[in-house]
Amino acid sequence: FGANIGTTVTAQLLAFRLEDARWAVLFAGVMLGFFCRSKKGKAAARVLAGFGLLFEGLAVMGTALAPLAEGELLRGWMLRVRADPLLGVLTGLCMTLTVQSSSATIAVLQRAAQQAGPDGIHSVLGLAGALPILLGDNIGTTVTALISSAGANKNAKRTAFVHLYFNVIGTILFLCGFYGLNALIQFSFFNETANTFGIAIVHTVFNVVTTAILLPFNRL
């Protein structure tokens, strides 16, 4: 459960555009490792260098996938997703299955949310379209663990399936709860522009709330 919450940090960092400082972070890690002799200093250097490499990888994937986020094909698909949440979940699932990285697909989602719609003002995606795709991303990221558990022991397989159940159950709860409340209350922000911070916050709320709901069942 804690690992699922930890994965939301990347989306928050992407929202703050910290990947733009990746070379400075990587350089700081290398210099710290070169000059520092203590074990704690070496460990801190590896952490900084690791973050620098992580952001570099995300930047490379984001650049490679940028034409997809800005293309007319994806834009037309996004308009369909806003009207069909289940199609959005399937889209997010397929995107993560393709690149095997939920962080990369969230980066594409954040970039697509910045694209203007037909009116040239509001986002083509909006929160109504971003939410189900984000939920599908969370389900898609479990496939890597399922593949890795093939041929492993029983505990490894159990862990992989718990990861899958966590995201599937959380997605069902969020879709039913969010869209059910929207049908009754009519959220004013539901069809508004979904910016990078909004997507990152929704990703964090999903994992934290789902963990809070399912954690008591860990004792059963």
Protein backbone atom coordinates (compact mmCIF):
# COMPACT_ATOMS: atom_id res chain seq x y z
CA PHE A 1 0.00 0.00 0.00
CA GLY A 2 2.82 2.38 0.87
CA ALA A 3 4.46 1.72 -2.50
CA ASN A 4 1.28 2.87 -4.29
CA ILE A 5 1.33 6.16 -2.39
CA GLY A 6 5.03 6.52 -3.16
CA THR A 7 4.37 6.32 -6.89
CA THR A 8 2.37 9.54 -6.70
CA VAL A 9 5.53 11.51 -5.91
CA THR A 10 6.68 11.32 -9.52
CA ALA A 11 3.46 12.91 -10.77
CA GLN A 12 3.83 15.71 -8.22
CA LEU A 13 7.43 16.33 -9.29
CA LEU A 14 6.38 16.38 -12.95
CA ALA A 15 3.70 18.95 -12.15
CA PHE A 16 6.36 21.26 -10.72
CA ARG A 17 8.52 20.73 -13.84
CA LEU A 18 11.47 19.60 -11.72
CA GLU A 19 12.71 17.50 -14.63
CA ASP A 20 14.00 20.78 -16.13
CA ALA A 21 16.67 20.75 -13.41
CA ARG A 22 17.68 17.13 -14.05
CA TRP A 23 21.19 17.97 -15.26
CA ALA A 24 21.89 20.11 -12.20
CA VAL A 25 20.66 17.33 -9.90
CA LEU A 26 22.72 14.71 -11.75
CA PHE A 27 25.82 16.92 -11.70
CA ALA A 28 25.37 17.58 -7.96
CA GLY A 29 25.13 13.84 -7.32
CA VAL A 30 28.27 13.08 -9.31
CA MET A 31 30.28 15.85 -7.64
CA LEU A 32 29.08 14.87 -4.18
CA GLY A 33 30.06 11.25 -4.82
CA PHE A 34 33.45 12.32 -6.13
CA PHE A 35 34.43 14.59 -3.24
CA CYS A 36 32.56 13.08 -0.28
CA ARG A 37 34.20 10.18 1.57
CA SER A 38 31.59 9.34 4.22
CA LYS A 39 29.03 6.58 3.77
CA LYS A 40 26.13 8.99 4.28
CA GLY A 41 27.57 11.36 1.71
CA LYS A 42 28.03 8.54 -0.80
CA ALA A 43 24.44 7.42 -0.19
CA ALA A 44 23.14 10.96 -0.71
CA ALA A 45 25.18 11.20 -3.92
CA ARG A 46 23.60 8.02 -5.26
CA VAL A 47 20.14 9.35 -4.41
CA LEU A 48 20.77 12.62 -6.25
CA ALA A 49 22.28 10.86 -9.25
CA GLY A 50 19.37 8.43 -9.30
CA PHE A 51 16.84 11.26 -9.34
CA GLY A 52 18.77 12.96 -12.12
CA LEU A 53 18.72 9.80 -14.23
CA LEU A 54 15.03 9.25 -13.42
CA PHE A 55 14.10 12.72 -14.64
CA GLU A 56 16.28 12.30 -17.72
CA GLY A 57 14.46 9.08 -18.59
CA LEU A 58 11.08 10.74 -18.11
CA ALA A 59 12.19 13.71 -20.22
CA VAL A 60 13.31 11.41 -23.05
CA MET A 61 10.04 9.46 -22.96
CA GLY A 62 8.02 12.66 -22.73
CA THR A 63 9.79 14.11 -25.77
CA ALA A 64 9.30 10.91 -27.75
CA LEU A 65 5.60 10.78 -26.87
CA ALA A 66 4.96 14.50 -27.37
CA PRO A 67 3.70 14.09 -30.97
CA LEU A 68 1.15 11.59 -29.66
CA ALA A 69 -0.14 14.03 -27.05
CA GLU A 70 -0.42 16.82 -29.64
CA GLY A 71 -1.74 14.76 -32.55
CA GLU A 72 -5.22 15.04 -34.02
CA LEU A 73 -5.87 11.31 -33.56
CA LEU A 74 -5.39 11.47 -29.79
CA ARG A 75 -7.32 14.74 -29.61
CA GLY A 76 -10.34 13.14 -31.28
CA TRP A 77 -10.05 10.15 -28.98
CA MET A 78 -9.99 12.43 -25.94
CA LEU A 79 -13.32 13.94 -26.96
CA ARG A 80 -14.82 10.42 -26.97
CA VAL A 81 -13.24 9.61 -23.60
CA ARG A 82 -14.96 12.55 -21.92
CA ALA A 83 -18.33 11.03 -22.77
CA ASP A 84 -17.41 7.42 -21.90
CA PRO A 85 -15.45 6.86 -18.64
CA LEU A 86 -14.98 3.12 -19.29
CA LEU A 87 -13.35 3.96 -22.62
CA GLY A 88 -11.05 6.30 -20.71
CA VAL A 89 -10.03 3.54 -18.29
CA LEU A 90 -9.29 1.26 -21.24
CA THR A 91 -7.26 4.02 -22.91
CA GLY A 92 -5.13 4.56 -19.81
CA LEU A 93 -4.65 0.80 -19.42
CA CYS A 94 -3.50 0.36 -23.02
CA MET A 95 -1.17 3.38 -22.84
CA THR A 96 0.61 2.01 -19.77
CA LEU A 97 0.77 -1.50 -21.25
CA THR A 98 2.45 -0.05 -24.34
CA VAL A 99 5.25 1.88 -22.64
CA GLN A 100 5.38 -0.12 -19.37
CA SER A 101 5.62 3.07 -17.32
CA SER A 102 2.75 4.80 -15.55
CA SER A 103 4.99 7.83 -14.96
CA ALA A 104 5.48 8.23 -18.72
CA THR A 105 1.76 7.92 -19.46
CA ILE A 106 0.92 10.40 -16.71
CA ALA A 107 3.43 12.79 -18.26
CA VAL A 108 1.64 12.38 -21.62
CA LEU A 109 -1.71 12.87 -19.90
CA GLN A 110 -0.49 16.07 -18.26
CA ARG A 111 0.77 17.32 -21.63
CA ALA A 112 -2.50 16.42 -23.38
CA ALA A 113 -4.48 18.24 -20.71
CA GLN A 114 -2.73 21.45 -21.75
CA GLN A 115 -3.97 21.17 -25.35
CA ALA A 116 -6.84 23.52 -26.19
CA GLY A 117 -10.20 22.13 -27.29
CA PRO A 118 -12.34 23.17 -30.27
CA ASP A 119 -13.17 26.52 -28.65
CA GLY A 120 -9.45 27.31 -28.33
CA ILE A 121 -9.84 28.11 -24.62
CA HIS A 122 -10.82 25.06 -22.59
CA SER A 123 -8.81 21.84 -22.47
CA VAL A 124 -9.73 19.14 -24.96
CA LEU A 125 -9.49 16.67 -22.11
CA GLY A 126 -10.80 18.28 -18.95
CA LEU A 127 -11.06 16.51 -15.60
CA ALA A 128 -13.95 14.44 -16.98
CA GLY A 129 -11.58 12.83 -19.46
CA ALA A 130 -8.39 12.89 -17.38
CA LEU A 131 -9.84 11.04 -14.39
CA PRO A 132 -10.74 7.71 -16.08
CA ILE A 133 -7.48 7.68 -18.09
CA LEU A 134 -5.54 8.21 -14.86
CA LEU A 135 -7.41 5.33 -13.23
CA GLY A 136 -6.61 3.13 -16.20
CA ASP A 137 -2.93 4.08 -15.85
CA ASN A 138 -2.98 2.79 -12.29
CA ILE A 139 -4.37 -0.57 -13.41
CA GLY A 140 -1.91 -0.81 -16.30
CA THR A 141 1.10 -0.32 -14.05
CA THR A 142 0.27 -3.58 -12.23
CA VAL A 143 1.02 -5.62 -15.35
CA THR A 144 4.78 -5.17 -14.87
CA ALA A 145 4.55 -6.74 -11.42
CA LEU A 146 2.38 -9.57 -12.76
CA ILE A 147 4.91 -10.33 -15.50
CA SER A 148 7.78 -10.19 -13.02
CA SER A 149 6.01 -12.63 -10.69
CA ALA A 150 5.75 -15.32 -13.37
CA GLY A 151 7.83 -18.25 -12.20
CA ALA A 152 8.41 -16.66 -8.79
CA ASN A 153 7.36 -18.05 -5.42
CA LYS A 154 3.88 -17.88 -3.95
CA ASN A 155 4.51 -14.71 -1.91
CA ALA A 156 5.76 -12.81 -4.98
CA LYS A 157 2.67 -13.81 -6.96
CA ARG A 158 0.44 -12.87 -4.04
CA THR A 159 2.05 -9.45 -3.83
CA ALA A 160 1.57 -8.86 -7.56
CA PHE A 161 -2.10 -9.81 -7.41
CA VAL A 162 -2.68 -7.64 -4.33
CA HIS A 163 -1.25 -4.75 -6.37
CA LEU A 164 -3.74 -5.56 -9.14
CA TYR A 165 -6.70 -5.92 -6.75
CA PHE A 166 -5.78 -2.63 -5.06
CA ASN A 167 -5.98 -0.64 -8.27
CA VAL A 168 -8.99 -2.43 -9.75
CA ILE A 169 -11.05 -2.06 -6.56
CA GLY A 170 -9.92 1.55 -6.16
CA THR A 171 -10.88 2.32 -9.76
CA ILE A 172 -14.35 0.82 -9.31
CA LEU A 173 -14.90 2.73 -6.07
CA PHE A 174 -13.74 6.02 -7.55
CA LEU A 175 -15.76 5.68 -10.74
CA CYS A 176 -18.94 4.80 -8.85
CA GLY A 177 -18.41 7.37 -6.11
CA PHE A 178 -17.20 10.27 -8.23
CA TYR A 179 -19.62 9.91 -11.11
CA GLY A 180 -22.46 9.06 -8.73
CA LEU A 181 -21.89 12.24 -6.74
CA ASN A 182 -21.51 14.23 -9.94
CA ALA A 183 -24.92 13.00 -11.10
CA LEU A 184 -26.45 14.28 -7.85
CA ILE A 185 -24.44 17.41 -7.14
CA GLN A 186 -23.14 18.39 -10.60
CA PHE A 187 -19.55 19.36 -9.78
CA SER A 188 -18.83 22.76 -11.33
CA PHE A 189 -15.18 21.87 -11.94
CA PHE A 190 -15.88 18.53 -13.63
CA ASN A 191 -15.73 19.81 -17.21
CA GLU A 192 -13.16 22.50 -16.59
CA THR A 193 -9.54 22.44 -17.73
CA ALA A 194 -7.43 19.72 -16.12
CA ASN A 195 -3.99 21.17 -15.48
CA THR A 196 -0.86 19.27 -14.47
CA PHE A 197 -1.33 20.02 -10.78
CA GLY A 198 -4.95 18.85 -10.83
CA ILE A 199 -3.97 15.52 -12.39
CA ALA A 200 -1.15 15.04 -9.87
CA ILE A 201 -3.49 15.81 -6.96
CA VAL A 202 -6.15 13.38 -8.23
CA HIS A 203 -3.47 10.69 -8.58
CA THR A 204 -2.38 11.25 -4.98
CA VAL A 205 -5.94 11.35 -3.62
CA PHE A 206 -6.80 8.10 -5.43
CA ASN A 207 -3.91 6.18 -3.86
CA VAL A 208 -4.26 7.68 -0.37
CA VAL A 209 -8.03 7.17 -0.16
CA THR A 210 -7.89 3.65 -1.62
CA THR A 211 -5.16 2.75 0.87
CA ALA A 212 -7.24 4.13 3.75
CA ILE A 213 -10.25 2.08 2.62
CA LEU A 214 -8.44 -1.20 1.99
CA LEU A 215 -5.82 -1.12 4.75
CA PRO A 216 -8.21 -2.45 7.45
CA PHE A 217 -8.79 -5.56 5.30
CA ASN A 218 -5.06 -6.33 5.49
CA ARG A 219 -5.71 -7.99 8.86
CA LEU A 220 -8.30 -10.42 7.49
